[in-house]
Amino acid sequence: MELSRATASNSSPAVAIFNFLGLSALVLASWLLGARASTRERCRTVASLRDRAEALERERDRFAELAAEQEARSRISREMHDVKYSLA
């Protein structure tokens, strides 16, 4: 008889509400931890992409400088060639 009373008292509305709230808190805590980890990963990805974009911008600028230098060399070479044949 005592066992059936304990089982009956465990199914009271207060215990059911307590169980529901406990389970809800556990689910909410798990979800928050997952969201935090996801946000942290997203921040790392954004930082990595930002670093890569900055490196690519530096490389683009370096190639633009090299192209400008090459263009200047070509222009000087053409001018020297034209002067050489104009004197001859």
N, C-alpha and C. Protein backbone atom coordinates (compact mmCIF):
# COMPACT_ATOMS: atom_id res chain seq x y z
N MET A 1 0.80 -1.18 0.00
CA MET A 1 0.00 0.00 0.00
C MET A 1 0.86 1.26 0.00
N GLU A 2 1.98 1.25 0.72
CA GLU A 2 2.82 2.43 0.78
C GLU A 2 3.44 2.76 -0.58
N LEU A 3 3.75 1.73 -1.33
CA LEU A 3 4.33 1.94 -2.65
C LEU A 3 3.32 2.63 -3.57
N SER A 4 2.08 2.22 -3.51
CA SER A 4 1.06 2.83 -4.36
C SER A 4 0.80 4.27 -3.93
N ARG A 5 0.96 4.59 -2.65
CA ARG A 5 0.78 5.97 -2.19
C ARG A 5 1.94 6.84 -2.70
N ALA A 6 3.15 6.32 -2.68
CA ALA A 6 4.30 7.08 -3.16
C ALA A 6 4.17 7.36 -4.65
N THR A 7 3.70 6.38 -5.39
CA THR A 7 3.49 6.56 -6.83
C THR A 7 2.38 7.56 -7.07
N ALA A 8 1.37 7.49 -6.29
CA ALA A 8 0.26 8.42 -6.45
C ALA A 8 0.69 9.84 -6.09
N SER A 9 1.55 9.99 -5.08
CA SER A 9 1.98 11.33 -4.69
C SER A 9 2.96 11.91 -5.71
N ASN A 10 3.71 11.04 -6.42
CA ASN A 10 4.64 11.52 -7.45
C ASN A 10 3.91 12.07 -8.66
N SER A 11 2.69 11.68 -8.86
CA SER A 11 1.95 12.14 -10.03
C SER A 11 1.10 13.36 -9.71
N SER A 12 1.42 14.05 -8.64
CA SER A 12 0.65 15.25 -8.29
C SER A 12 0.99 16.37 -9.27
N PRO A 13 0.10 17.32 -9.41
CA PRO A 13 0.35 18.43 -10.35
C PRO A 13 1.62 19.22 -10.01
N ALA A 14 1.95 19.37 -8.75
CA ALA A 14 3.15 20.12 -8.38
C ALA A 14 4.41 19.43 -8.89
N VAL A 15 4.44 18.11 -8.75
CA VAL A 15 5.60 17.34 -9.23
C VAL A 15 5.67 17.40 -10.74
N ALA A 16 4.55 17.31 -11.40
CA ALA A 16 4.53 17.37 -12.86
C ALA A 16 5.03 18.73 -13.35
N ILE A 17 4.60 19.80 -12.68
CA ILE A 17 5.06 21.14 -13.05
C ILE A 17 6.56 21.27 -12.79
N PHE A 18 7.02 20.75 -11.65
CA PHE A 18 8.44 20.79 -11.32
C PHE A 18 9.26 20.03 -12.37
N ASN A 19 8.79 18.85 -12.75
CA ASN A 19 9.48 18.05 -13.78
C ASN A 19 9.51 18.79 -15.11
N PHE A 20 8.38 19.39 -15.46
CA PHE A 20 8.30 20.14 -16.72
C PHE A 20 9.27 21.31 -16.71
N LEU A 21 9.30 22.07 -15.63
CA LEU A 21 10.20 23.21 -15.53
C LEU A 21 11.66 22.78 -15.54
N GLY A 22 11.97 21.69 -14.86
CA GLY A 22 13.34 21.18 -14.85
C GLY A 22 13.79 20.76 -16.24
N LEU A 23 12.92 20.04 -16.93
CA LEU A 23 13.24 19.61 -18.30
C LEU A 23 13.35 20.81 -19.23
N SER A 24 12.46 21.77 -19.06
CA SER A 24 12.52 22.98 -19.89
C SER A 24 13.81 23.74 -19.65
N ALA A 25 14.24 23.84 -18.40
CA ALA A 25 15.50 24.53 -18.09
C ALA A 25 16.68 23.80 -18.71
N LEU A 26 16.65 22.48 -18.68
CA LEU A 26 17.72 21.70 -19.28
C LEU A 26 17.79 21.91 -20.79
N VAL A 27 16.63 21.90 -21.44
CA VAL A 27 16.59 22.12 -22.89
C VAL A 27 17.05 23.54 -23.22
N LEU A 28 16.61 24.51 -22.44
CA LEU A 28 17.01 25.89 -22.69
C LEU A 28 18.52 26.08 -22.49
N ALA A 29 19.07 25.50 -21.45
CA ALA A 29 20.51 25.60 -21.20
C ALA A 29 21.30 24.95 -22.34
N SER A 30 20.84 23.81 -22.81
CA SER A 30 21.52 23.15 -23.93
C SER A 30 21.47 24.00 -25.18
N TRP A 31 20.31 24.57 -25.43
CA TRP A 31 20.16 25.42 -26.62
C TRP A 31 21.05 26.65 -26.53
N LEU A 32 21.12 27.27 -25.35
CA LEU A 32 21.96 28.46 -25.18
C LEU A 32 23.44 28.13 -25.36
N LEU A 33 23.88 27.00 -24.85
CA LEU A 33 25.27 26.60 -25.02
C LEU A 33 25.59 26.36 -26.50
N GLY A 34 24.68 25.72 -27.19
CA GLY A 34 24.87 25.49 -28.63
C GLY A 34 24.89 26.79 -29.41
N ALA A 35 24.01 27.72 -29.06
CA ALA A 35 23.96 29.01 -29.75
C ALA A 35 25.24 29.79 -29.49
N ARG A 36 25.75 29.71 -28.27
CA ARG A 36 26.99 30.42 -27.93
C ARG A 36 28.17 29.84 -28.73
N ALA A 37 28.23 28.52 -28.81
CA ALA A 37 29.32 27.88 -29.57
C ALA A 37 29.21 28.24 -31.05
N SER A 38 28.00 28.29 -31.56
CA SER A 38 27.79 28.64 -32.96
C SER A 38 28.21 30.08 -33.21
N THR A 39 27.87 30.97 -32.30
CA THR A 39 28.24 32.37 -32.44
C THR A 39 29.76 32.54 -32.40
N ARG A 40 30.40 31.83 -31.50
CA ARG A 40 31.86 31.90 -31.40
C ARG A 40 32.51 31.41 -32.70
N GLU A 41 32.01 30.33 -33.24
CA GLU A 41 32.55 29.79 -34.49
C GLU A 41 32.33 30.78 -35.63
N ARG A 42 31.16 31.40 -35.66
CA ARG A 42 30.87 32.38 -36.69
C ARG A 42 31.82 33.58 -36.58
N CYS A 43 32.10 34.02 -35.36
CA CYS A 43 33.03 35.14 -35.16
C CYS A 43 34.43 34.77 -35.64
N ARG A 44 34.86 33.53 -35.37
CA ARG A 44 36.18 33.10 -35.85
C ARG A 44 36.22 33.06 -37.38
N THR A 45 35.13 32.61 -37.98
CA THR A 45 35.07 32.55 -39.44
C THR A 45 35.12 33.95 -40.04
N VAL A 46 34.37 34.86 -39.46
CA VAL A 46 34.36 36.24 -39.96
C VAL A 46 35.75 36.86 -39.82
N ALA A 47 36.40 36.64 -38.69
CA ALA A 47 37.75 37.18 -38.49
C ALA A 47 38.72 36.59 -39.51
N SER A 48 38.60 35.31 -39.77
CA SER A 48 39.47 34.66 -40.75
C SER A 48 39.23 35.23 -42.15
N LEU A 49 37.97 35.42 -42.51
CA LEU A 49 37.65 35.99 -43.82
C LEU A 49 38.13 37.44 -43.93
N ARG A 50 38.03 38.19 -42.84
CA ARG A 50 38.51 39.57 -42.85
C ARG A 50 40.02 39.61 -43.05
N ASP A 51 40.74 38.72 -42.36
CA ASP A 51 42.20 38.66 -42.53
C ASP A 51 42.57 38.29 -43.96
N ARG A 52 41.84 37.35 -44.52
CA ARG A 52 42.12 36.92 -45.89
C ARG A 52 41.84 38.06 -46.88
N ALA A 53 40.77 38.79 -46.65
CA ALA A 53 40.45 39.92 -47.53
C ALA A 53 41.53 40.99 -47.46
N GLU A 54 42.02 41.27 -46.25
CA GLU A 54 43.09 42.26 -46.11
C GLU A 54 44.36 41.81 -46.81
N ALA A 55 44.70 40.52 -46.69
CA ALA A 55 45.88 39.99 -47.37
C ALA A 55 45.73 40.09 -48.88
N LEU A 56 44.54 39.79 -49.38
CA LEU A 56 44.30 39.89 -50.82
C LEU A 56 44.36 41.34 -51.30
N GLU A 57 43.88 42.27 -50.47
CA GLU A 57 43.99 43.68 -50.85
C GLU A 57 45.44 44.12 -50.92
N ARG A 58 46.25 43.69 -49.96
CA ARG A 58 47.68 44.04 -49.99
C ARG A 58 48.34 43.45 -51.24
N GLU A 59 47.99 42.20 -51.56
CA GLU A 59 48.57 41.56 -52.74
C GLU A 59 48.14 42.28 -54.02
N ARG A 60 46.87 42.67 -54.08
CA ARG A 60 46.38 43.42 -55.24
C ARG A 60 47.14 44.73 -55.40
N ASP A 61 47.34 45.44 -54.29
CA ASP A 61 48.08 46.71 -54.34
C ASP A 61 49.52 46.49 -54.79
N ARG A 62 50.13 45.41 -54.30
CA ARG A 62 51.51 45.11 -54.69
C ARG A 62 51.59 44.82 -56.19
N PHE A 63 50.64 44.04 -56.72
CA PHE A 63 50.63 43.75 -58.14
C PHE A 63 50.37 45.01 -58.96
N ALA A 64 49.54 45.91 -58.45
CA ALA A 64 49.28 47.17 -59.15
C ALA A 64 50.55 48.01 -59.20
N GLU A 65 51.31 48.04 -58.11
CA GLU A 65 52.58 48.78 -58.11
C GLU A 65 53.57 48.16 -59.09
N LEU A 66 53.64 46.83 -59.11
CA LEU A 66 54.55 46.16 -60.04
C LEU A 66 54.15 46.44 -61.48
N ALA A 67 52.86 46.45 -61.75
CA ALA A 67 52.39 46.73 -63.11
C ALA A 67 52.73 48.16 -63.51
N ALA A 68 52.58 49.09 -62.57
CA ALA A 68 52.91 50.49 -62.87
C ALA A 68 54.41 50.64 -63.13
N GLU A 69 55.23 49.96 -62.34
CA GLU A 69 56.68 50.00 -62.56
C GLU A 69 57.03 49.41 -63.91
N GLN A 70 56.40 48.31 -64.27
CA GLN A 70 56.68 47.67 -65.57
C GLN A 70 56.25 48.58 -66.70
N GLU A 71 55.12 49.25 -66.54
CA GLU A 71 54.65 50.17 -67.56
C GLU A 71 55.64 51.34 -67.73
N ALA A 72 56.16 51.84 -66.61
CA ALA A 72 57.14 52.93 -66.67
C ALA A 72 58.41 52.45 -67.37
N ARG A 73 58.85 51.25 -67.06
CA ARG A 73 60.05 50.71 -67.73
C ARG A 73 59.82 50.57 -69.23
N SER A 74 58.65 50.07 -69.59
CA SER A 74 58.33 49.90 -71.02
C SER A 74 58.29 51.24 -71.73
N ARG A 75 57.70 52.25 -71.08
CA ARG A 75 57.62 53.58 -71.68
C ARG A 75 59.03 54.15 -71.90
N ILE A 76 59.89 54.01 -70.88
CA ILE A 76 61.27 54.51 -70.99
C ILE A 76 62.01 53.76 -72.09
N SER A 77 61.79 52.46 -72.16
CA SER A 77 62.45 51.65 -73.20
C SER A 77 62.00 52.09 -74.59
N ARG A 78 60.70 52.33 -74.77
CA ARG A 78 60.20 52.78 -76.07
C ARG A 78 60.78 54.15 -76.43
N GLU A 79 60.86 55.04 -75.43
CA GLU A 79 61.41 56.36 -75.70
C GLU A 79 62.88 56.27 -76.10
N MET A 80 63.63 55.42 -75.40
CA MET A 80 65.04 55.26 -75.75
C MET A 80 65.19 54.67 -77.14
N HIS A 81 64.33 53.75 -77.47
CA HIS A 81 64.36 53.12 -78.81
C HIS A 81 64.05 54.16 -79.87
N ASP A 82 63.04 54.99 -79.61
CA ASP A 82 62.68 56.04 -80.59
C ASP A 82 63.80 57.05 -80.74
N VAL A 83 64.43 57.42 -79.63
CA VAL A 83 65.55 58.39 -79.71
C VAL A 83 66.71 57.78 -80.48
N LYS A 84 66.98 56.51 -80.24
CA LYS A 84 68.10 55.83 -80.91
C LYS A 84 67.89 55.86 -82.42
N TYR A 85 66.67 55.57 -82.89
CA TYR A 85 66.45 55.52 -84.33
C TYR A 85 66.24 56.91 -84.93
N SER A 86 65.87 57.87 -84.11
CA SER A 86 65.76 59.23 -84.64
C SER A 86 67.13 59.87 -84.84
N LEU A 87 68.13 59.44 -84.08
CA LEU A 87 69.50 59.94 -84.23
C LEU A 87 70.25 59.26 -85.34
N ALA A 88 69.82 58.08 -85.70
CA ALA A 88 70.56 57.32 -86.70
C ALA A 88 70.29 57.71 -88.11
